[in-house]
Amino acid sequence: MARKTFDMPDGPIQSDYALGRIHSVESMGTVDGPGIRFVVFMQGCPMRCLFCHNPDTWDAGPGAGTPVAVEQLVEEFESNRPFYRTGGITVSGGEPLLQPDFLADLFAAMHARPAGRVHTCLDTCGYAFDPAHPERTARVLDETDLALLDIKHADPAGHRALTGRDPARILAFGDELARCGIDVVIRHVVVPGYTDTVEECEALGRLIAPWRNVVGLEMLPYHTMGIAKYEQMGIDYPLAGVEPMDKERIPDLRRAVLRGMRAARG
């Protein structure tokens, strides 16, 4: 592989891999996959979820985010490797699949570390997957140990109202993960007035039931901690007036999802 030279803010850098654009890095993540994890948040997202608490990751245009080489992230991971012995690396967003070459290179490099293979986790909404061209993400999936797949709404119309996007590509990506046999944890944000009914949660269970590779389910209560970012960016917060989700309802709604799965599987 020929080394490439990239012009970076701190001067040119040579790399064996594709260059990425990231929003930020969290060195001690505890909610983005098993164990303590090194979490990379990618820049750019095609979704516009009403409950998004990171609108500063949306922009995927030229100059958005911080350019980074795979080697830089590997070095930062290795500097704290002992802390990640029960975890690994998670790439989140924004939407990681908007940068598949960089993501595949990063995961492959982590798998090939001389000090030991690093567990890789992809946190994605799946919308950037193109079912007409699965080869564009094939190398990513070859290097993915676990996927956290966000399913925003069980109903297509509800999904479009909540995210501004049709769910077809997301469901196709779920099918692709199942075909590849990659372990998946389903994530579902529970938003009052949108996704907090027993009926919607049972429908979610029926929707994901065909995916036999699902190994976990996380019901995430809606919160309002992102409002300050909207104010800083000078944009209106779409769910102004919606109160945080009552966490005491989450166990019942989770049971509703599992009930829907069991019913669909017979």
C-alpha atoms as a PDB file:
ATOM      1  CA  MET A   1       0.000   0.000   0.000  1.00  0.00           C
ATOM      2  CA  ALA A   2       1.441   3.361  -1.040  1.00  0.00           C
ATOM      3  CA  ARG A   3       1.662   5.936   1.719  1.00  0.00           C
ATOM      4  CA  LYS A   4      -0.326   9.101   1.102  1.00  0.00           C
ATOM      5  CA  THR A   5       0.445  12.625   2.263  1.00  0.00           C
ATOM      6  CA  PHE A   6      -2.355  14.759   3.691  1.00  0.00           C
ATOM      7  CA  ASP A   7      -2.257  18.446   4.562  1.00  0.00           C
ATOM      8  CA  MET A   8      -3.361  18.726   8.178  1.00  0.00           C
ATOM      9  CA  PRO A   9      -3.898  21.773  10.438  1.00  0.00           C
ATOM     10  CA  ASP A  10      -0.632  21.030  12.235  1.00  0.00           C
ATOM     11  CA  GLY A  11       1.287  20.258   9.050  1.00  0.00           C
ATOM     12  CA  PRO A  12       1.420  17.449   6.501  1.00  0.00           C
ATOM     13  CA  ILE A  13       1.080  13.860   7.661  1.00  0.00           C
ATOM     14  CA  GLN A  14       1.724  10.594   5.881  1.00  0.00           C
ATOM     15  CA  SER A  15      -0.706   7.723   6.287  1.00  0.00           C
ATOM     16  CA  ASP A  16      -1.283   4.254   4.910  1.00  0.00           C
ATOM     17  CA  TYR A  17      -5.020   4.728   5.191  1.00  0.00           C
ATOM     18  CA  ALA A  18      -7.975   6.872   4.176  1.00  0.00           C
ATOM     19  CA  LEU A  19      -8.323  10.187   5.998  1.00  0.00           C
ATOM     20  CA  GLY A  20     -11.350  10.774   8.204  1.00  0.00           C
ATOM     21  CA  ARG A  21     -13.225  13.755   9.569  1.00  0.00           C
ATOM     22  CA  ILE A  22     -14.326  13.523  13.161  1.00  0.00           C
ATOM     23  CA  HIS A  23     -16.298  15.632  15.584  1.00  0.00           C
ATOM     24  CA  SER A  24     -14.612  14.534  18.806  1.00  0.00           C
ATOM     25  CA  VAL A  25     -13.155  11.663  20.821  1.00  0.00           C
ATOM     26  CA  GLU A  26     -14.185  10.311  24.214  1.00  0.00           C
ATOM     27  CA  SER A  27     -11.388   8.428  25.942  1.00  0.00           C
ATOM     28  CA  MET A  28     -13.472   6.652  28.592  1.00  0.00           C
ATOM     29  CA  GLY A  29     -16.876   5.782  27.137  1.00  0.00           C
ATOM     30  CA  THR A  30     -19.089   3.504  29.233  1.00  0.00           C
ATOM     31  CA  VAL A  31     -22.413   3.516  27.330  1.00  0.00           C
ATOM     32  CA  ASP A  32     -21.329   2.758  23.766  1.00  0.00           C
ATOM     33  CA  GLY A  33     -20.736  -0.981  23.806  1.00  0.00           C
ATOM     34  CA  PRO A  34     -19.366  -3.468  26.339  1.00  0.00           C
ATOM     35  CA  GLY A  35     -16.713  -2.423  28.843  1.00  0.00           C
ATOM     36  CA  ILE A  36     -14.771   0.832  28.864  1.00  0.00           C
ATOM     37  CA  ARG A  37     -14.316   2.089  25.320  1.00  0.00           C
ATOM     38  CA  PHE A  38     -12.439   4.579  23.200  1.00  0.00           C
ATOM     39  CA  VAL A  39     -15.244   6.361  21.320  1.00  0.00           C
ATOM     40  CA  VAL A  40     -14.755   8.272  18.059  1.00  0.00           C
ATOM     41  CA  PHE A  41     -17.599  10.565  16.997  1.00  0.00           C
ATOM     42  CA  MET A  42     -17.616  11.077  13.237  1.00  0.00           C
ATOM     43  CA  GLN A  43     -18.636  14.320  11.535  1.00  0.00           C
ATOM     44  CA  GLY A  44     -21.695  14.373   9.270  1.00  0.00           C
ATOM     45  CA  CYS A  45     -25.183  12.880   9.530  1.00  0.00           C
ATOM     46  CA  PRO A  46     -27.957  12.442   6.929  1.00  0.00           C
ATOM     47  CA  MET A  47     -30.721  12.215   9.557  1.00  0.00           C
ATOM     48  CA  ARG A  48     -32.482  15.107  11.254  1.00  0.00           C
ATOM     49  CA  CYS A  49     -34.002  13.452  14.301  1.00  0.00           C
ATOM     50  CA  LEU A  50     -36.166  15.830  16.317  1.00  0.00           C
ATOM     51  CA  PHE A  51     -34.562  14.594  19.525  1.00  0.00           C
ATOM     52  CA  CYS A  52     -30.940  14.830  18.323  1.00  0.00           C
ATOM     53  CA  HIS A  53     -28.683  16.217  21.050  1.00  0.00           C
ATOM     54  CA  ASN A  54     -25.640  16.661  18.780  1.00  0.00           C
ATOM     55  CA  PRO A  55     -26.709  19.022  15.965  1.00  0.00           C
ATOM     56  CA  ASP A  56     -23.091  20.141  15.722  1.00  0.00           C
ATOM     57  CA  THR A  57     -22.308  16.781  14.068  1.00  0.00           C
ATOM     58  CA  TRP A  58     -24.774  17.224  11.188  1.00  0.00           C
ATOM     59  CA  ASP A  59     -22.637  19.146   8.701  1.00  0.00           C
ATOM     60  CA  ALA A  60     -20.860  16.818   6.276  1.00  0.00           C
ATOM     61  CA  GLY A  61     -19.667  19.549   3.927  1.00  0.00           C
ATOM     62  CA  PRO A  62     -16.080  20.432   3.017  1.00  0.00           C
ATOM     63  CA  GLY A  63     -14.187  21.721   6.005  1.00  0.00           C
ATOM     64  CA  ALA A  64     -16.610  20.352   8.581  1.00  0.00           C
ATOM     65  CA  GLY A  65     -15.118  18.478  11.502  1.00  0.00           C
ATOM     66  CA  THR A  66     -11.470  17.784  12.248  1.00  0.00           C
ATOM     67  CA  PRO A  67      -9.331  15.805   9.778  1.00  0.00           C
ATOM     68  CA  VAL A  68      -7.651  12.813  11.390  1.00  0.00           C
ATOM     69  CA  ALA A  69      -5.472   9.907  10.293  1.00  0.00           C
ATOM     70  CA  VAL A  70      -6.027   6.333  11.412  1.00  0.00           C
ATOM     71  CA  GLU A  71      -2.543   6.298  12.928  1.00  0.00           C
ATOM     72  CA  GLN A  72      -3.417   9.229  15.204  1.00  0.00           C
ATOM     73  CA  LEU A  73      -6.433   7.440  16.681  1.00  0.00           C
ATOM     74  CA  VAL A  74      -4.525   4.180  17.034  1.00  0.00           C
ATOM     75  CA  GLU A  75      -1.773   5.986  18.925  1.00  0.00           C
ATOM     76  CA  GLU A  76      -4.271   7.649  21.254  1.00  0.00           C
ATOM     77  CA  PHE A  77      -5.969   4.305  21.911  1.00  0.00           C
ATOM     78  CA  GLU A  78      -2.686   2.562  22.622  1.00  0.00           C
ATOM     79  CA  SER A  79      -1.643   5.267  25.097  1.00  0.00           C
ATOM     80  CA  ASN A  80      -4.525   4.103  27.327  1.00  0.00           C
ATOM     81  CA  ARG A  81      -4.799   0.455  26.251  1.00  0.00           C
ATOM     82  CA  PRO A  82      -4.886  -1.004  29.799  1.00  0.00           C
ATOM     83  CA  PHE A  83      -8.157   0.817  30.472  1.00  0.00           C
ATOM     84  CA  TYR A  84      -9.816  -0.852  27.468  1.00  0.00           C
ATOM     85  CA  ARG A  85      -8.973  -4.471  28.307  1.00  0.00           C
ATOM     86  CA  THR A  86     -12.699  -5.303  28.790  1.00  0.00           C
ATOM     87  CA  GLY A  87     -13.878  -2.938  26.058  1.00  0.00           C
ATOM     88  CA  GLY A  88     -12.455  -1.700  22.772  1.00  0.00           C
ATOM     89  CA  ILE A  89     -13.202   1.000  20.229  1.00  0.00           C
ATOM     90  CA  THR A  90     -16.613   2.332  19.203  1.00  0.00           C
ATOM     91  CA  VAL A  91     -17.190   4.617  16.227  1.00  0.00           C
ATOM     92  CA  SER A  92     -20.348   6.702  16.534  1.00  0.00           C
ATOM     93  CA  GLY A  93     -21.604   9.942  15.070  1.00  0.00           C
ATOM     94  CA  GLY A  94     -22.859  11.786  13.376  1.00  0.00           C
ATOM     95  CA  GLU A  95     -23.061   8.790  11.073  1.00  0.00           C
ATOM     96  CA  PRO A  96     -19.945   6.623  10.626  1.00  0.00           C
ATOM     97  CA  LEU A  97     -21.128   4.929   7.427  1.00  0.00           C
ATOM     98  CA  LEU A  98     -20.805   8.233   5.570  1.00  0.00           C
ATOM     99  CA  GLN A  99     -17.037   7.564   5.708  1.00  0.00           C
ATOM    100  CA  PRO A 100     -16.817   3.819   4.994  1.00  0.00           C
ATOM    101  CA  ASP A 101     -13.236   3.700   3.720  1.00  0.00           C
ATOM    102  CA  PHE A 102     -11.854   5.451   6.784  1.00  0.00           C
ATOM    103  CA  LEU A 103     -14.026   3.357   9.101  1.00  0.00           C
ATOM    104  CA  ALA A 104     -12.937   0.080   7.494  1.00  0.00           C
ATOM    105  CA  ASP A 105      -9.280   1.121   7.664  1.00  0.00           C
ATOM    106  CA  LEU A 106      -9.577   2.102  11.327  1.00  0.00           C
ATOM    107  CA  PHE A 107     -11.313  -1.134  12.347  1.00  0.00           C
ATOM    108  CA  ALA A 108      -8.854  -3.241  10.338  1.00  0.00           C
ATOM    109  CA  ALA A 109      -5.929  -1.478  12.011  1.00  0.00           C
ATOM    110  CA  MET A 110      -7.449  -2.121  15.430  1.00  0.00           C
ATOM    111  CA  HIS A 111      -7.906  -5.791  14.654  1.00  0.00           C
ATOM    112  CA  ALA A 112      -4.274  -6.082  13.565  1.00  0.00           C
ATOM    113  CA  ARG A 113      -2.642  -4.433  16.603  1.00  0.00           C
ATOM    114  CA  PRO A 114       0.594  -6.209  17.636  1.00  0.00           C
ATOM    115  CA  ALA A 115      -0.381  -5.874  21.306  1.00  0.00           C
ATOM    116  CA  GLY A 116      -3.620  -7.776  20.665  1.00  0.00           C
ATOM    117  CA  ARG A 117      -6.808  -7.626  18.629  1.00  0.00           C
ATOM    118  CA  VAL A 118      -9.128  -4.769  19.658  1.00  0.00           C
ATOM    119  CA  HIS A 119     -12.905  -5.286  19.793  1.00  0.00           C
ATOM    120  CA  THR A 120     -14.694  -3.007  17.293  1.00  0.00           C
ATOM    121  CA  CYS A 121     -18.198  -1.606  17.633  1.00  0.00           C
ATOM    122  CA  LEU A 122     -20.207   0.396  15.080  1.00  0.00           C
ATOM    123  CA  ASP A 123     -22.905   2.749  16.415  1.00  0.00           C
ATOM    124  CA  THR A 124     -25.104   3.649  13.450  1.00  0.00           C
ATOM    125  CA  CYS A 125     -28.548   4.686  12.269  1.00  0.00           C
ATOM    126  CA  GLY A 126     -27.935   2.632   9.111  1.00  0.00           C
ATOM    127  CA  TYR A 127     -29.361   5.252   6.764  1.00  0.00           C
ATOM    128  CA  ALA A 128     -26.110   5.717   4.818  1.00  0.00           C
ATOM    129  CA  PHE A 129     -26.254   2.076   3.691  1.00  0.00           C
ATOM    130  CA  ASP A 130     -27.186   1.719   0.005  1.00  0.00           C
ATOM    131  CA  PRO A 131     -28.871  -1.653  -0.627  1.00  0.00           C
ATOM    132  CA  ALA A 132     -28.145  -1.245  -4.349  1.00  0.00           C
ATOM    133  CA  HIS A 133     -24.406  -1.096  -3.558  1.00  0.00           C
ATOM    134  CA  PRO A 134     -23.704  -3.226  -0.465  1.00  0.00           C
ATOM    135  CA  GLU A 135     -20.092  -3.525  -1.582  1.00  0.00           C
ATOM    136  CA  ARG A 136     -19.493   0.044  -0.375  1.00  0.00           C
ATOM    137  CA  THR A 137     -19.859  -1.056   3.241  1.00  0.00           C
ATOM    138  CA  ALA A 138     -18.756  -4.695   2.888  1.00  0.00           C
ATOM    139  CA  ARG A 139     -15.245  -4.040   4.154  1.00  0.00           C
ATOM    140  CA  VAL A 140     -16.635  -2.182   7.178  1.00  0.00           C
ATOM    141  CA  LEU A 141     -18.823  -5.121   8.130  1.00  0.00           C
ATOM    142  CA  ASP A 142     -15.939  -7.541   7.638  1.00  0.00           C
ATOM    143  CA  GLU A 143     -14.154  -5.670  10.441  1.00  0.00           C
ATOM    144  CA  THR A 144     -17.150  -5.058  12.753  1.00  0.00           C
ATOM    145  CA  ASP A 145     -17.534  -7.205  15.876  1.00  0.00           C
ATOM    146  CA  LEU A 146     -20.701  -5.565  17.210  1.00  0.00           C
ATOM    147  CA  ALA A 147     -23.244  -3.096  15.823  1.00  0.00           C
ATOM    148  CA  LEU A 148     -25.458  -0.741  17.806  1.00  0.00           C
ATOM    149  CA  LEU A 149     -28.369  -0.114  15.423  1.00  0.00           C
ATOM    150  CA  ASP A 150     -30.721   2.780  16.148  1.00  0.00           C
ATOM    151  CA  ILE A 151     -34.325   2.108  15.166  1.00  0.00           C
ATOM    152  CA  LYS A 152     -36.087   5.437  15.573  1.00  0.00           C
ATOM    153  CA  HIS A 153     -39.729   4.446  14.975  1.00  0.00           C
ATOM    154  CA  ALA A 154     -41.566   1.253  14.031  1.00  0.00           C
ATOM    155  CA  ASP A 155     -44.015   2.957  11.680  1.00  0.00           C
ATOM    156  CA  PRO A 156     -42.763   4.407   8.350  1.00  0.00           C
ATOM    157  CA  ALA A 157     -44.901   7.540   8.608  1.00  0.00           C
ATOM    158  CA  GLY A 158     -43.901   8.031  12.232  1.00  0.00           C
ATOM    159  CA  HIS A 159     -40.274   7.519  11.267  1.00  0.00           C
ATOM    160  CA  ARG A 160     -40.440  10.199   8.585  1.00  0.00           C
ATOM    161  CA  ALA A 161     -42.115  12.622  10.996  1.00  0.00           C
ATOM    162  CA  LEU A 162     -39.514  11.982  13.690  1.00  0.00           C
ATOM    163  CA  THR A 163     -36.357  11.910  11.549  1.00  0.00           C
ATOM    164  CA  GLY A 164     -37.162  13.491   8.195  1.00  0.00           C
ATOM    165  CA  ARG A 165     -36.124  10.254   6.456  1.00  0.00           C
ATOM    166  CA  ASP A 166     -37.781   7.046   5.215  1.00  0.00           C
ATOM    167  CA  PRO A 167     -36.732   3.911   7.144  1.00  0.00           C
ATOM    168  CA  ALA A 168     -36.313   1.582   4.128  1.00  0.00           C
ATOM    169  CA  ARG A 169     -32.514   1.891   3.943  1.00  0.00           C
ATOM    170  CA  ILE A 170     -32.203   1.379   7.694  1.00  0.00           C
ATOM    171  CA  LEU A 171     -34.240  -1.810   7.579  1.00  0.00           C
ATOM    172  CA  ALA A 172     -32.195  -2.990   4.597  1.00  0.00           C
ATOM    173  CA  PHE A 173     -29.069  -2.440   6.657  1.00  0.00           C
ATOM    174  CA  GLY A 174     -30.581  -4.469   9.480  1.00  0.00           C
ATOM    175  CA  ASP A 175     -31.159  -7.266   6.967  1.00  0.00           C
ATOM    176  CA  GLU A 176     -27.540  -6.974   5.822  1.00  0.00           C
ATOM    177  CA  LEU A 177     -26.239  -7.234   9.380  1.00  0.00           C
ATOM    178  CA  ALA A 178     -28.363 -10.351   9.859  1.00  0.00           C
ATOM    179  CA  ARG A 179     -27.089 -11.840   6.603  1.00  0.00           C
ATOM    180  CA  CYS A 180     -23.520 -11.246   7.754  1.00  0.00           C
ATOM    181  CA  GLY A 181     -24.203 -12.725  11.179  1.00  0.00           C
ATOM    182  CA  ILE A 182     -22.938  -9.656  13.054  1.00  0.00           C
ATOM    183  CA  ASP A 183     -24.137  -9.314  16.644  1.00  0.00           C
ATOM    184  CA  VAL A 184     -26.535  -6.385  16.973  1.00  0.00           C
ATOM    185  CA  VAL A 185     -27.865  -4.382  19.903  1.00  0.00           C
ATOM    186  CA  ILE A 186     -31.043  -2.504  18.987  1.00  0.00           C
ATOM    187  CA  ARG A 187     -31.333   1.008  20.397  1.00  0.00           C
ATOM    188  CA  HIS A 188     -34.650   2.849  20.595  1.00  0.00           C
ATOM    189  CA  VAL A 189     -35.057   6.376  21.956  1.00  0.00           C
ATOM    190  CA  VAL A 190     -38.340   6.636  23.862  1.00  0.00           C
ATOM    191  CA  VAL A 191     -39.809  10.091  23.231  1.00  0.00           C
ATOM    192  CA  PRO A 192     -43.034  11.190  24.974  1.00  0.00           C
ATOM    193  CA  GLY A 193     -45.816  11.546  22.429  1.00  0.00           C
ATOM    194  CA  TYR A 194     -43.803   9.858  19.657  1.00  0.00           C
ATOM    195  CA  THR A 195     -42.424   6.460  20.637  1.00  0.00           C
ATOM    196  CA  ASP A 196     -43.714   5.898  24.160  1.00  0.00           C
ATOM    197  CA  THR A 197     -46.822   3.793  23.546  1.00  0.00           C
ATOM    198  CA  VAL A 198     -47.133   0.071  24.185  1.00  0.00           C
ATOM    199  CA  GLU A 199     -48.481  -0.341  20.659  1.00  0.00           C
ATOM    200  CA  GLU A 200     -45.456   1.314  19.038  1.00  0.00           C
ATOM    201  CA  CYS A 201     -43.063  -0.722  21.136  1.00  0.00           C
ATOM    202  CA  GLU A 202     -44.816  -3.985  20.315  1.00  0.00           C
ATOM    203  CA  ALA A 203     -44.631  -3.012  16.638  1.00  0.00           C
ATOM    204  CA  LEU A 204     -40.902  -2.419  17.073  1.00  0.00           C
ATOM    205  CA  GLY A 205     -40.574  -5.937  18.441  1.00  0.00           C
ATOM    206  CA  ARG A 206     -42.360  -7.369  15.424  1.00  0.00           C
ATOM    207  CA  LEU A 207     -40.157  -5.296  13.121  1.00  0.00           C
ATOM    208  CA  ILE A 208     -36.863  -6.612  14.496  1.00  0.00           C
ATOM    209  CA  ALA A 209     -38.059 -10.171  15.134  1.00  0.00           C
ATOM    210  CA  PRO A 210     -36.663 -11.609  11.845  1.00  0.00           C
ATOM    211  CA  TRP A 211     -33.136 -10.537  12.825  1.00  0.00           C
ATOM    212  CA  ARG A 212     -31.883 -13.574  14.772  1.00  0.00           C
ATOM    213  CA  ASN A 213     -28.536 -11.853  15.318  1.00  0.00           C
ATOM    214  CA  VAL A 214     -30.041  -9.371  17.808  1.00  0.00           C
ATOM    215  CA  VAL A 215     -28.248  -9.910  21.126  1.00  0.00           C
ATOM    216  CA  GLY A 216     -29.491  -6.908  23.082  1.00  0.00           C
ATOM    217  CA  LEU A 217     -32.100  -4.168  23.382  1.00  0.00           C
ATOM    218  CA  GLU A 218     -31.528  -0.712  24.853  1.00  0.00           C
ATOM    219  CA  MET A 219     -34.492   1.588  25.496  1.00  0.00           C
ATOM    220  CA  LEU A 220     -33.047   5.090  25.850  1.00  0.00           C
ATOM    221  CA  PRO A 221     -35.232   7.663  27.637  1.00  0.00           C
ATOM    222  CA  TYR A 222     -35.451  11.013  25.847  1.00  0.00           C
ATOM    223  CA  HIS A 223     -33.646  13.859  27.612  1.00  0.00           C
ATOM    224  CA  THR A 224     -33.234  17.590  27.022  1.00  0.00           C
ATOM    225  CA  MET A 225     -29.498  17.938  27.627  1.00  0.00           C
ATOM    226  CA  GLY A 226     -28.882  18.979  24.026  1.00  0.00           C
ATOM    227  CA  ILE A 227     -30.981  22.152  24.154  1.00  0.00           C
ATOM    228  CA  ALA A 228     -27.960  24.305  25.016  1.00  0.00           C
ATOM    229  CA  LYS A 229     -26.252  23.304  21.750  1.00  0.00           C
ATOM    230  CA  TYR A 230     -29.248  24.473  19.714  1.00  0.00           C
ATOM    231  CA  GLU A 231     -29.147  27.793  21.540  1.00  0.00           C
ATOM    232  CA  GLN A 232     -25.413  28.132  20.900  1.00  0.00           C
ATOM    233  CA  MET A 233     -25.916  27.378  17.191  1.00  0.00           C
ATOM    234  CA  GLY A 234     -28.863  29.779  16.923  1.00  0.00           C
ATOM    235  CA  ILE A 235     -31.366  27.179  15.730  1.00  0.00           C
ATOM    236  CA  ASP A 236     -34.781  26.290  17.123  1.00  0.00           C
ATOM    237  CA  TYR A 237     -35.073  23.188  19.275  1.00  0.00           C
ATOM    238  CA  PRO A 238     -37.703  20.980  17.557  1.00  0.00           C
ATOM    239  CA  LEU A 239     -39.100  19.407  20.722  1.00  0.00           C
ATOM    240  CA  ALA A 240     -39.390  22.536  22.824  1.00  0.00           C
ATOM    241  CA  GLY A 241     -41.862  21.863  25.620  1.00  0.00           C
ATOM    242  CA  VAL A 242     -41.510  18.069  25.531  1.00  0.00           C
ATOM    243  CA  GLU A 243     -40.568  16.875  28.995  1.00  0.00           C
ATOM    244  CA  PRO A 244     -37.860  14.242  29.578  1.00  0.00           C
ATOM    245  CA  MET A 245     -39.109  10.680  29.447  1.00  0.00           C
ATOM    246  CA  ASP A 246     -40.300   9.141  32.710  1.00  0.00           C
ATOM    247  CA  LYS A 247     -37.640   6.485  33.302  1.00  0.00           C
ATOM    248  CA  GLU A 248     -40.012   4.426  35.432  1.00  0.00           C
ATOM    249  CA  ARG A 249     -42.007   3.563  32.286  1.00  0.00           C
ATOM    250  CA  ILE A 250     -39.009   2.162  30.432  1.00  0.00           C
ATOM    251  CA  PRO A 251     -39.142  -1.414  31.835  1.00  0.00           C
ATOM    252  CA  ASP A 252     -42.789  -1.841  30.784  1.00  0.00           C
ATOM    253  CA  LEU A 253     -42.076  -0.525  27.292  1.00  0.00           C
ATOM    254  CA  ARG A 254     -39.059  -2.786  26.968  1.00  0.00           C
ATOM    255  CA  ARG A 255     -41.255  -5.746  27.868  1.00  0.00           C
ATOM    256  CA  ALA A 256     -43.661  -4.622  25.151  1.00  0.00           C
ATOM    257  CA  VAL A 257     -40.861  -4.797  22.560  1.00  0.00           C
ATOM    258  CA  LEU A 258     -39.891  -8.289  23.707  1.00  0.00           C
ATOM    259  CA  ARG A 259     -43.541  -9.343  23.669  1.00  0.00           C
ATOM    260  CA  GLY A 260     -43.832  -8.190  20.074  1.00  0.00           C
ATOM    261  CA  MET A 261     -40.693 -10.141  19.137  1.00  0.00           C
ATOM    262  CA  ARG A 262     -41.965 -13.321  20.733  1.00  0.00           C
ATOM    263  CA  ALA A 263     -45.348 -13.005  19.040  1.00  0.00           C
ATOM    264  CA  ALA A 264     -43.771 -12.485  15.618  1.00  0.00           C
ATOM    265  CA  ARG A 265     -41.468 -15.450  16.068  1.00  0.00           C
ATOM    266  CA  GLY A 266     -44.348 -17.684  17.103  1.00  0.00           C
END
